[in-house]
Amino acid sequence: MADADITFDDQHGVRQVERDTDSAPLLEIQNLTKTFGSVISLSDISTTVRAGQVTCVLGDNGAGKSTFIKTLAGVHQPDHGQLLMDGQPVSLSSPRDSLEAGIATVYQDLAMVALMAIWRNFFLGSEPTKGWGPFKRFDADKAKSITRKELSDMGIDIRDPDQPVGTLSGGERQSVAIARAVYFGARLLILDEPTSALGVKQAGVVLKYIVQARDRGLGVIFITHNPHHAYPVGDRFLLLKRGRSLGDFAKSEITLAELTGLMAGGAELQQLAHELQRPDAPAPQGDRAP
């Protein structure tokens, strides 16, 4: 990888760093721009996703994460910029185009039916069948067997595939959605804030499944606002703020402290802490006069 220095700036965050150009990435995003009327949702966003790696996209509410996801999922078409898969330009004009290209998006609502069994949700819309012609019917035994095997291969121990999805914990539901995407041939997995509504233990479980998907050779885009969730599993970090990039880094180019500082706003956060401090509170040890 090409060497690069990280230059911090209170107003603009950091400058763009050089990318690894040793081989064609699974997905390369070049100068992606999307506007809605006069509102700029994304402006010249660039990053890469490689097979067997996790690219984390971080930003607070209004940063442009949802538009970024929907552009890769084929819901929105960019106004400028291009997407390349395996070095070749691709046009994703619909969600079906995205799926056919091997991009699977797991949204926060997971697109599951809470009252239906796990195995029914696993094959929802793509049910295996047996028989022929007018006698063709849903092959429930095959669906249950495949569901149990795929979840087991991901290290997911489901007590009973017949139990309704609504009885699962948040982390278990995420794991079923991830395993489903892997089974149906995803090469690139986009996860929309999978840990945002989970407790500490369940978030850790989902992070483990992200690592397992990565280790199986998938490229993963992990959307989150939590740098403490992103840094342990991430190989690359793209930071967004109001539709603009604050930087695109390999893990070797940024520390967790620097990542957290950029997410928190750096000087803005320090100013806020100063404003919120009680007038009669003792000054920090380093600020006291001798």
Protein backbone atom coordinates (compact mmCIF):
# COMPACT_ATOMS: atom_id res chain seq x y z
CA MET A 1 0.00 0.00 0.00
CA ALA A 2 1.19 3.49 -0.77
CA ASP A 3 2.37 5.45 2.27
CA ALA A 4 0.36 8.52 3.29
CA ASP A 5 0.37 11.06 6.08
CA ILE A 6 -2.80 12.05 7.94
CA THR A 7 -3.30 15.80 8.10
CA PHE A 8 -5.92 17.00 10.60
CA ASP A 9 -7.84 20.21 10.17
CA ASP A 10 -10.51 21.54 12.53
CA GLN A 11 -12.77 22.75 9.72
CA HIS A 12 -12.40 20.09 7.09
CA GLY A 13 -11.39 17.06 9.13
CA VAL A 14 -8.64 15.32 7.20
CA ARG A 15 -7.34 15.19 3.70
CA GLN A 16 -7.95 12.21 1.45
CA VAL A 17 -5.30 9.51 1.71
CA GLU A 18 -3.83 7.40 -1.08
CA ARG A 19 -5.51 4.08 -1.78
CA ASP A 20 -4.09 0.63 -2.32
CA THR A 21 -3.71 0.14 -6.07
CA ASP A 22 -2.10 -3.31 -6.04
CA SER A 23 -5.16 -5.07 -7.49
CA ALA A 24 -8.69 -4.31 -8.64
CA PRO A 25 -11.04 -4.13 -5.63
CA LEU A 26 -14.36 -5.93 -5.52
CA LEU A 27 -16.12 -2.55 -5.58
CA GLU A 28 -14.65 0.86 -6.24
CA ILE A 29 -16.71 4.00 -5.69
CA GLN A 30 -15.40 7.01 -7.59
CA ASN A 31 -16.58 10.59 -6.91
CA LEU A 32 -20.14 9.56 -6.12
CA THR A 33 -22.48 12.58 -6.10
CA LYS A 34 -26.23 12.63 -5.49
CA THR A 35 -28.50 15.64 -5.12
CA PHE A 36 -32.21 16.03 -4.46
CA GLY A 37 -33.12 19.42 -5.86
CA SER A 38 -30.91 21.92 -4.06
CA VAL A 39 -29.99 19.43 -1.32
CA ILE A 40 -26.58 17.79 -1.73
CA SER A 41 -26.85 14.34 -0.15
CA LEU A 42 -23.49 13.05 -1.38
CA SER A 43 -20.61 15.04 -2.83
CA ASP A 44 -17.58 13.39 -4.49
CA ILE A 45 -17.51 10.30 -2.25
CA SER A 46 -14.82 7.74 -3.05
CA THR A 47 -13.74 4.51 -1.35
CA THR A 48 -13.02 0.86 -2.08
CA VAL A 49 -14.28 -2.50 -0.85
CA ARG A 50 -12.15 -5.60 -1.24
CA ALA A 51 -13.13 -9.25 -1.00
CA GLY A 52 -12.39 -10.54 2.48
CA GLN A 53 -12.35 -7.05 3.98
CA VAL A 54 -14.75 -4.76 5.87
CA THR A 55 -15.18 -1.13 4.81
CA CYS A 56 -16.87 0.88 7.56
CA VAL A 57 -18.92 3.95 6.63
CA LEU A 58 -19.33 6.21 9.65
CA GLY A 59 -21.37 9.34 10.20
CA ASP A 60 -24.05 10.86 12.41
CA ASN A 61 -27.67 11.44 11.40
CA GLY A 62 -27.84 13.48 8.20
CA ALA A 63 -24.34 12.47 7.11
CA GLY A 64 -25.58 10.82 3.91
CA LYS A 65 -25.31 7.17 4.97
CA SER A 66 -28.85 6.24 3.84
CA THR A 67 -28.37 7.83 0.40
CA PHE A 68 -25.02 6.05 0.12
CA ILE A 69 -26.64 2.67 0.87
CA LYS A 70 -29.57 3.21 -1.50
CA THR A 71 -27.27 4.25 -4.33
CA LEU A 72 -25.29 1.02 -4.01
CA ALA A 73 -28.55 -0.95 -3.69
CA GLY A 74 -29.88 0.48 -6.97
CA VAL A 75 -32.68 2.52 -5.37
CA HIS A 76 -31.07 5.86 -6.33
CA GLN A 77 -28.93 6.56 -9.38
CA PRO A 78 -25.95 8.88 -8.88
CA ASP A 79 -25.84 12.25 -10.63
CA HIS A 80 -22.06 12.02 -11.06
CA GLY A 81 -19.33 9.47 -10.44
CA GLN A 82 -19.23 5.77 -11.18
CA LEU A 83 -19.13 2.33 -9.62
CA LEU A 84 -16.67 -0.36 -10.68
CA MET A 85 -16.89 -4.05 -9.78
CA ASP A 86 -13.74 -6.08 -10.37
CA GLY A 87 -12.40 -3.07 -12.24
CA GLN A 88 -15.33 -2.88 -14.68
CA PRO A 89 -17.93 -0.05 -14.69
CA VAL A 90 -21.42 -1.14 -13.62
CA SER A 91 -24.78 0.60 -13.73
CA LEU A 92 -27.20 -0.28 -10.93
CA SER A 93 -30.51 1.10 -12.16
CA SER A 94 -32.71 -1.02 -9.86
CA PRO A 95 -32.47 -3.19 -6.73
CA ARG A 96 -32.61 -6.25 -8.98
CA ASP A 97 -29.51 -5.04 -10.85
CA SER A 98 -27.75 -4.73 -7.51
CA LEU A 99 -28.74 -8.25 -6.47
CA GLU A 100 -27.67 -9.71 -9.81
CA ALA A 101 -24.30 -8.03 -9.37
CA GLY A 102 -23.92 -9.87 -6.06
CA ILE A 103 -24.69 -6.94 -3.74
CA ALA A 104 -27.03 -7.82 -0.85
CA THR A 105 -28.31 -5.09 1.46
CA VAL A 106 -29.52 -5.88 4.97
CA TYR A 107 -31.58 -2.91 6.14
CA GLN A 108 -32.39 -2.09 9.75
CA ASP A 109 -35.93 -3.49 9.45
CA LEU A 110 -34.38 -6.74 8.06
CA ALA A 111 -37.38 -7.35 5.70
CA MET A 112 -38.66 -10.22 7.84
CA VAL A 113 -42.15 -11.32 8.87
CA ALA A 114 -42.17 -11.60 12.67
CA LEU A 115 -44.95 -14.22 12.86
CA MET A 116 -43.39 -16.55 10.29
CA ALA A 117 -40.91 -19.32 11.12
CA ILE A 118 -37.18 -18.78 10.72
CA TRP A 119 -36.95 -21.14 7.73
CA ARG A 120 -39.89 -19.44 6.01
CA ASN A 121 -38.18 -16.06 6.41
CA PHE A 122 -34.87 -17.48 5.22
CA PHE A 123 -36.42 -18.38 1.83
CA LEU A 124 -39.01 -15.60 1.66
CA GLY A 125 -39.57 -14.90 -2.05
CA SER A 126 -37.14 -17.63 -3.20
CA GLU A 127 -38.80 -20.81 -1.91
CA PRO A 128 -37.40 -24.21 -2.99
CA THR A 129 -40.00 -26.44 -4.64
CA LYS A 130 -40.55 -30.09 -5.45
CA GLY A 131 -42.80 -31.80 -7.95
CA TRP A 132 -43.61 -30.46 -11.40
CA GLY A 133 -46.26 -28.55 -13.27
CA PRO A 134 -49.51 -28.05 -11.33
CA PHE A 135 -48.19 -30.38 -8.61
CA LYS A 136 -45.21 -28.19 -7.76
CA ARG A 137 -45.16 -27.23 -4.07
CA PHE A 138 -42.95 -25.71 -1.41
CA ASP A 139 -40.28 -28.18 -0.29
CA ALA A 140 -40.46 -27.48 3.45
CA ASP A 141 -38.08 -30.27 4.47
CA LYS A 142 -35.35 -28.97 2.15
CA ALA A 143 -35.89 -25.41 3.34
CA LYS A 144 -35.56 -26.42 7.00
CA SER A 145 -32.46 -28.51 6.32
CA ILE A 146 -30.70 -25.75 4.38
CA THR A 147 -31.63 -23.11 6.94
CA ARG A 148 -30.21 -25.16 9.80
CA LYS A 149 -27.00 -25.94 7.88
CA GLU A 150 -26.37 -22.38 6.72
CA LEU A 151 -26.92 -20.95 10.16
CA SER A 152 -24.66 -23.62 11.65
CA ASP A 153 -21.92 -22.83 9.09
CA MET A 154 -22.05 -19.22 10.26
CA GLY A 155 -21.68 -20.37 13.86
CA ILE A 156 -25.32 -19.56 14.63
CA ASP A 157 -27.06 -21.99 16.97
CA ILE A 158 -30.84 -21.63 16.52
CA ARG A 159 -32.85 -23.71 18.95
CA ASP A 160 -35.65 -24.52 16.51
CA PRO A 161 -36.02 -23.32 12.89
CA ASP A 162 -39.81 -23.55 13.33
CA GLN A 163 -39.90 -20.79 15.93
CA PRO A 164 -41.24 -17.42 14.76
CA VAL A 165 -38.61 -14.80 13.90
CA GLY A 166 -40.38 -12.45 16.32
CA THR A 167 -39.19 -14.60 19.24
CA LEU A 168 -35.51 -14.05 18.36
CA SER A 169 -33.31 -11.40 19.89
CA GLY A 170 -32.13 -8.48 17.79
CA GLY A 171 -28.69 -10.03 17.32
CA GLU A 172 -30.17 -13.37 16.27
CA ARG A 173 -32.40 -11.68 13.69
CA GLN A 174 -29.38 -9.89 12.25
CA SER A 175 -27.49 -13.19 12.07
CA VAL A 176 -30.34 -14.85 10.15
CA ALA A 177 -30.41 -11.95 7.66
CA ILE A 178 -26.63 -12.16 7.17
CA ALA A 179 -26.69 -15.95 6.68
CA ARG A 180 -29.56 -15.60 4.19
CA ALA A 181 -27.61 -13.05 2.11
CA VAL A 182 -24.52 -15.28 2.10
CA TYR A 183 -26.53 -18.34 1.02
CA PHE A 184 -28.11 -16.56 -1.93
CA GLY A 185 -24.74 -15.73 -3.42
CA ALA A 186 -23.88 -12.27 -2.16
CA ARG A 187 -20.33 -11.18 -2.96
CA LEU A 188 -20.76 -7.83 -1.25
CA LEU A 189 -22.80 -7.46 1.94
CA ILE A 190 -24.10 -4.04 3.00
CA LEU A 191 -25.21 -3.85 6.64
CA ASP A 192 -27.30 -0.83 7.63
CA GLU A 193 -26.62 0.06 11.28
CA PRO A 194 -26.89 -3.60 12.42
CA THR A 195 -25.77 -2.82 16.01
CA SER A 196 -27.61 0.47 16.58
CA ALA A 197 -30.53 -0.93 18.63
CA LEU A 198 -28.63 -3.74 20.37
CA GLY A 199 -27.13 -4.10 23.82
CA VAL A 200 -23.44 -4.65 24.39
CA LYS A 201 -23.55 -8.46 24.27
CA GLN A 202 -25.86 -8.68 21.24
CA ALA A 203 -23.78 -6.09 19.37
CA GLY A 204 -20.72 -8.23 20.01
CA VAL A 205 -22.53 -11.24 18.54
CA VAL A 206 -23.34 -9.34 15.34
CA LEU A 207 -19.74 -8.12 15.05
CA LYS A 208 -18.63 -11.75 15.27
CA TYR A 209 -20.92 -12.65 12.36
CA ILE A 210 -19.52 -9.75 10.33
CA VAL A 211 -16.03 -11.16 10.86
CA GLN A 212 -17.22 -14.62 9.82
CA ALA A 213 -18.73 -13.22 6.60
CA ARG A 214 -15.45 -11.42 5.93
CA ASP A 215 -13.45 -14.59 6.57
CA ARG A 216 -15.62 -16.44 4.05
CA GLY A 217 -14.32 -14.05 1.38
CA LEU A 218 -17.18 -11.56 1.18
CA GLY A 219 -16.66 -7.85 0.93
CA VAL A 220 -18.60 -6.10 3.68
CA ILE A 221 -19.80 -2.49 3.98
CA PHE A 222 -20.63 -1.83 7.62
CA ILE A 223 -22.72 1.32 8.13
CA THR A 224 -22.55 2.65 11.68
CA HIS A 225 -22.29 5.76 13.83
CA ASN A 226 -20.25 3.96 16.51
CA PRO A 227 -16.45 3.97 16.00
CA HIS A 228 -16.04 1.51 18.89
CA HIS A 229 -18.04 -1.05 16.90
CA ALA A 230 -16.36 -0.22 13.59
CA TYR A 231 -12.70 -0.19 14.55
CA PRO A 232 -12.30 -3.81 15.81
CA VAL A 233 -13.72 -5.33 12.61
CA GLY A 234 -12.93 -2.67 9.99
CA ASP A 235 -10.15 -2.75 7.40
CA ARG A 236 -11.07 0.61 5.85
CA PHE A 237 -12.97 3.63 7.18
CA LEU A 238 -14.94 6.24 5.24
CA LEU A 239 -16.20 9.15 7.36
CA LEU A 240 -19.15 11.21 6.16
CA LYS A 241 -20.45 14.56 7.39
CA ARG A 242 -23.37 16.33 5.70
CA GLY A 243 -22.79 14.43 2.49
CA ARG A 244 -19.07 15.12 2.28
CA SER A 245 -16.09 12.93 3.04
CA LEU A 246 -13.95 13.67 6.09
CA GLY A 247 -11.45 11.06 4.96
CA ASP A 248 -10.99 7.56 3.59
CA PHE A 249 -8.43 5.50 5.54
CA ALA A 250 -6.94 2.06 5.78
CA LYS A 251 -6.77 0.79 9.36
CA SER A 252 -3.02 1.31 9.43
CA GLU A 253 -3.54 5.00 8.67
CA ILE A 254 -5.78 5.98 11.58
CA THR A 255 -6.11 5.09 15.26
CA LEU A 256 -9.31 4.56 17.21
CA ALA A 257 -8.68 7.81 19.08
CA GLU A 258 -8.33 9.74 15.81
CA LEU A 259 -11.40 8.06 14.36
CA THR A 260 -13.43 8.89 17.46
CA GLY A 261 -12.17 12.47 17.41
CA LEU A 262 -13.28 12.96 13.82
CA MET A 263 -16.67 11.43 14.55
CA ALA A 264 -17.13 13.58 17.64
CA GLY A 265 -16.24 16.81 15.86
CA GLY A 266 -12.84 17.52 17.41
CA ALA A 267 -12.71 21.21 18.31
CA GLU A 268 -16.52 21.48 18.21
CA LEU A 269 -16.82 18.85 20.95
CA GLN A 270 -14.19 20.57 23.09
CA GLN A 271 -16.07 23.87 22.76
CA LEU A 272 -19.33 22.17 23.75
CA ALA A 273 -17.72 20.56 26.79
CA HIS A 274 -16.43 23.97 27.84
CA GLU A 275 -19.90 25.51 27.49
CA LEU A 276 -21.54 22.72 29.50
CA GLN A 277 -19.07 22.82 32.38
CA ARG A 278 -20.50 24.11 35.67
CA PRO A 279 -19.09 27.51 36.65
CA ASP A 280 -18.20 26.28 40.14
CA ALA A 281 -16.69 22.99 38.96
CA PRO A 282 -12.98 22.57 39.69
CA ALA A 283 -10.76 23.02 36.67
CA PRO A 284 -9.02 19.93 35.27
CA GLN A 285 -5.60 19.31 36.82
CA GLY A 286 -3.75 20.37 33.68
CA ASP A 287 -5.63 23.72 33.57
CA ARG A 288 -4.94 24.89 37.11
CA ALA A 289 -2.66 27.86 37.60
CA PRO A 290 0.55 27.11 39.53
